[in-house]
Amino acid sequence: MSLFRPALTLLLVFTVILGLVYPAAITGIARVAFPAQAEGSLLRDGERVVGSSLIGQPFGDPRYFWGRPSATGPVPCNAAASSGSNQGPMNPALHDAVKARVQALQSADPSNTAPIPVELVTASASGLDPHISPAAAYYQVPRVARARSLSEGSVRSMVDAAVERRTFGILGEPRVNVLQLNLALDRTTASARP
């Protein structure tokens, strides 16, 4: 019984410090130092929140660039269900899924005979990847340009402008945020209307 009181006191003290004070302090520091990131890196179209730059969004309309397939199910790009498919290269289900994705890309743009970049037919480990490689974006330029009645050159220029370089010049690979690129496309198309 003599150990119960100090143990309970320490439990309460550490619960307050580590469960309330520390998280509140870190949240306050984050909101001051990194306000956009602390709020979820939200992307807006005017006043309307349309997504986060950190979570992929499902796009199926040919007028938009498509991101990586999502492994979250049954709802694609569900941040609450982030996980990979855990299907290995010998799994027939993965083979069938990739085959169906290749067919979907080919039927969306039958005239495109370029090799399909692998990330357009395979999910990322999280199932939420918001980025594709520049090659995957350039692969989709003809389809998007045709669907929006824009020149391929203007759409390619938008992809060029959307390419994010390596972090600190050395980390990661060049990439394109699909949601940000599609928002830029919508703004350009809306401003081009009479």
Protein backbone atom coordinates (compact mmCIF):
# COMPACT_ATOMS: atom_id res chain seq x y z
CA MET A 1 0.00 0.00 0.00
CA SER A 2 2.93 2.34 0.64
CA LEU A 3 3.88 2.12 -3.08
CA PHE A 4 0.35 2.77 -4.35
CA ARG A 5 0.23 6.49 -3.48
CA PRO A 6 3.57 7.46 -5.18
CA ALA A 7 2.71 5.33 -8.22
CA LEU A 8 -0.71 6.97 -8.57
CA THR A 9 0.82 10.44 -8.08
CA LEU A 10 3.43 9.78 -10.79
CA LEU A 11 0.74 8.44 -13.12
CA LEU A 12 -1.32 11.62 -12.71
CA VAL A 13 1.71 13.93 -13.03
CA PHE A 14 2.99 12.24 -16.18
CA THR A 15 -0.51 12.05 -17.64
CA VAL A 16 -0.89 15.81 -17.27
CA ILE A 17 2.63 16.58 -18.54
CA LEU A 18 2.80 14.09 -21.41
CA GLY A 19 -0.91 13.92 -22.23
CA LEU A 20 -1.84 17.60 -22.00
CA VAL A 21 1.04 20.05 -21.53
CA TYR A 22 3.52 18.56 -24.04
CA PRO A 23 0.98 18.04 -26.90
CA ALA A 24 -0.44 21.55 -26.37
CA ALA A 25 3.05 23.08 -26.44
CA ILE A 26 4.09 21.20 -29.59
CA THR A 27 0.81 22.07 -31.31
CA GLY A 28 1.28 25.75 -30.42
CA ILE A 29 4.87 25.77 -31.70
CA ALA A 30 3.82 24.00 -34.92
CA ARG A 31 1.00 26.50 -35.54
CA VAL A 32 3.43 29.39 -35.22
CA ALA A 33 6.41 27.87 -37.08
CA PHE A 34 4.53 25.83 -39.70
CA PRO A 35 0.92 27.07 -39.88
CA ALA A 36 -0.08 25.40 -43.17
CA GLN A 37 1.42 22.04 -42.24
CA ALA A 38 -0.07 22.13 -38.73
CA GLU A 39 -3.51 22.54 -40.27
CA GLY A 40 -3.05 19.50 -42.55
CA SER A 41 -1.48 21.11 -45.66
CA LEU A 42 -4.97 21.85 -46.95
CA LEU A 43 -5.50 22.97 -50.53
CA ARG A 44 -8.30 25.39 -51.30
CA ASP A 45 -10.22 26.40 -54.37
CA GLY A 46 -11.24 29.87 -53.30
CA GLU A 47 -12.68 29.39 -49.81
CA ARG A 48 -13.55 25.73 -50.34
CA VAL A 49 -11.17 23.04 -49.04
CA VAL A 50 -10.62 20.50 -51.83
CA GLY A 51 -8.03 18.24 -50.25
CA SER A 52 -4.57 18.02 -48.75
CA SER A 53 -1.28 18.19 -50.59
CA LEU A 54 -0.20 15.14 -48.56
CA ILE A 55 -3.05 12.74 -49.40
CA GLY A 56 -3.85 11.47 -52.87
CA GLN A 57 -7.28 12.06 -54.36
CA PRO A 58 -9.13 9.73 -56.75
CA PHE A 59 -9.56 11.11 -60.27
CA GLY A 60 -11.24 9.14 -63.05
CA ASP A 61 -12.41 11.85 -65.43
CA PRO A 62 -10.22 11.96 -68.59
CA ARG A 63 -10.01 15.77 -68.18
CA TYR A 64 -7.81 15.27 -65.12
CA PHE A 65 -4.41 13.79 -64.44
CA TRP A 66 -4.71 10.51 -62.59
CA GLY A 67 -2.59 9.62 -59.58
CA ARG A 68 -1.39 6.30 -58.31
CA PRO A 69 -4.04 3.67 -57.63
CA SER A 70 -5.06 3.52 -54.00
CA ALA A 71 -4.79 0.35 -51.95
CA THR A 72 -7.25 1.62 -49.36
CA GLY A 73 -10.58 -0.05 -49.64
CA PRO A 74 -13.43 -0.01 -50.16
CA VAL A 75 -13.10 3.78 -50.54
CA PRO A 76 -10.03 4.93 -52.54
CA CYS A 77 -7.63 7.38 -50.88
CA ASN A 78 -9.20 6.88 -47.45
CA ALA A 79 -6.66 8.29 -44.99
CA ALA A 80 -8.26 6.36 -42.13
CA ALA A 81 -7.46 3.08 -43.92
CA SER A 82 -3.89 3.82 -45.02
CA SER A 83 -2.06 0.63 -45.87
CA GLY A 84 -0.56 -1.25 -48.73
CA SER A 85 -2.23 -4.13 -50.50
CA ASN A 86 0.40 -6.55 -49.18
CA GLN A 87 0.25 -8.37 -52.50
CA GLY A 88 3.59 -9.69 -53.63
CA PRO A 89 4.78 -9.89 -57.24
CA MET A 90 3.70 -13.53 -57.53
CA ASN A 91 0.16 -12.86 -56.27
CA PRO A 92 -2.43 -13.44 -59.02
CA ALA A 93 -4.68 -10.72 -57.55
CA LEU A 94 -1.92 -8.14 -58.06
CA HIS A 95 -1.36 -9.37 -61.62
CA ASP A 96 -5.09 -9.06 -62.37
CA ALA A 97 -5.31 -5.58 -60.79
CA VAL A 98 -2.33 -4.30 -62.79
CA LYS A 99 -3.72 -5.81 -65.99
CA ALA A 100 -7.09 -4.09 -65.40
CA ARG A 101 -5.35 -0.76 -64.71
CA VAL A 102 -3.29 -1.05 -67.89
CA GLN A 103 -6.46 -1.75 -69.88
CA ALA A 104 -8.21 1.25 -68.29
CA LEU A 105 -5.32 3.55 -69.23
CA GLN A 106 -5.19 2.18 -72.78
CA SER A 107 -8.95 2.52 -73.29
CA ALA A 108 -8.88 6.09 -71.91
CA ASP A 109 -6.25 7.03 -74.52
CA PRO A 110 -6.06 4.38 -77.28
CA SER A 111 -3.74 6.47 -79.46
CA ASN A 112 -1.05 6.64 -76.76
CA THR A 113 1.47 3.89 -77.49
CA ALA A 114 4.12 5.08 -75.01
CA PRO A 115 5.12 2.68 -72.23
CA ILE A 116 2.89 3.14 -69.18
CA PRO A 117 4.87 4.33 -66.13
CA VAL A 118 4.72 1.72 -63.39
CA GLU A 119 3.29 4.00 -60.71
CA LEU A 120 0.12 4.49 -62.74
CA VAL A 121 -0.71 0.79 -62.34
CA THR A 122 0.71 -0.02 -58.87
CA ALA A 123 -0.33 1.36 -55.49
CA SER A 124 2.13 2.93 -53.08
CA ALA A 125 2.85 1.42 -49.66
CA SER A 126 0.47 3.84 -47.94
CA GLY A 127 -2.16 3.74 -50.67
CA LEU A 128 -2.38 7.54 -50.37
CA ASP A 129 0.54 8.83 -52.44
CA PRO A 130 -0.34 12.33 -53.74
CA HIS A 131 2.54 12.41 -56.24
CA ILE A 132 3.45 10.82 -59.53
CA SER A 133 6.70 11.04 -61.44
CA PRO A 134 7.07 13.65 -64.18
CA ALA A 135 7.12 10.73 -66.66
CA ALA A 136 3.68 9.59 -65.44
CA ALA A 137 2.35 13.13 -65.82
CA TYR A 138 3.84 13.57 -69.32
CA TYR A 139 2.32 10.20 -70.32
CA GLN A 140 -1.14 11.64 -69.60
CA VAL A 141 -0.66 14.99 -71.39
CA PRO A 142 -2.26 13.92 -74.73
CA ARG A 143 -5.41 12.60 -73.06
CA VAL A 144 -5.87 15.64 -70.81
CA ALA A 145 -5.15 18.11 -73.62
CA ARG A 146 -7.65 16.42 -75.92
CA ALA A 147 -10.34 16.21 -73.20
CA ARG A 148 -9.94 19.90 -72.35
CA SER A 149 -9.49 21.13 -75.93
CA LEU A 150 -6.07 22.55 -75.06
CA SER A 151 -2.81 22.23 -76.93
CA GLU A 152 -0.45 19.53 -75.75
CA GLY A 153 2.24 22.20 -75.46
CA SER A 154 0.22 24.27 -72.98
CA VAL A 155 -0.62 21.22 -70.86
CA ARG A 156 3.03 20.09 -70.99
CA SER A 157 4.06 23.57 -69.80
CA MET A 158 1.70 23.21 -66.85
CA VAL A 159 3.31 19.88 -65.98
CA ASP A 160 6.76 21.49 -66.27
CA ALA A 161 5.67 24.20 -63.81
CA ALA A 162 4.22 21.60 -61.41
CA VAL A 163 7.38 19.47 -61.13
CA GLU A 164 8.73 19.62 -57.58
CA ARG A 165 12.48 19.14 -57.36
CA ARG A 166 14.32 16.93 -54.89
CA THR A 167 13.98 18.05 -51.28
CA PHE A 168 17.10 20.02 -50.32
CA GLY A 169 18.42 19.09 -53.76
CA ILE A 170 19.32 15.53 -52.70
CA LEU A 171 16.34 13.75 -51.10
CA GLY A 172 13.74 11.88 -53.10
CA GLU A 173 13.02 12.18 -56.78
CA PRO A 174 11.37 14.91 -58.86
CA ARG A 175 7.60 14.58 -58.52
CA VAL A 176 4.27 16.14 -59.46
CA ASN A 177 1.47 16.68 -56.96
CA VAL A 178 -1.61 15.47 -58.87
CA LEU A 179 -4.21 17.50 -56.96
CA GLN A 180 -2.25 20.75 -57.30
CA LEU A 181 -1.75 20.14 -61.03
CA ASN A 182 -5.46 19.44 -61.53
CA LEU A 183 -6.40 22.59 -59.61
CA ALA A 184 -4.05 24.60 -61.85
CA LEU A 185 -5.70 22.99 -64.89
CA ASP A 186 -9.16 23.97 -63.65
CA ARG A 187 -8.04 27.57 -63.02
CA THR A 188 -6.51 27.79 -66.50
CA THR A 189 -9.57 26.31 -68.19
CA ALA A 190 -11.92 28.58 -66.21
CA SER A 191 -9.91 31.71 -67.07
CA ALA A 192 -9.87 30.73 -70.77
CA ARG A 193 -13.68 30.64 -70.98
CA PRO A 194 -15.29 33.73 -72.55
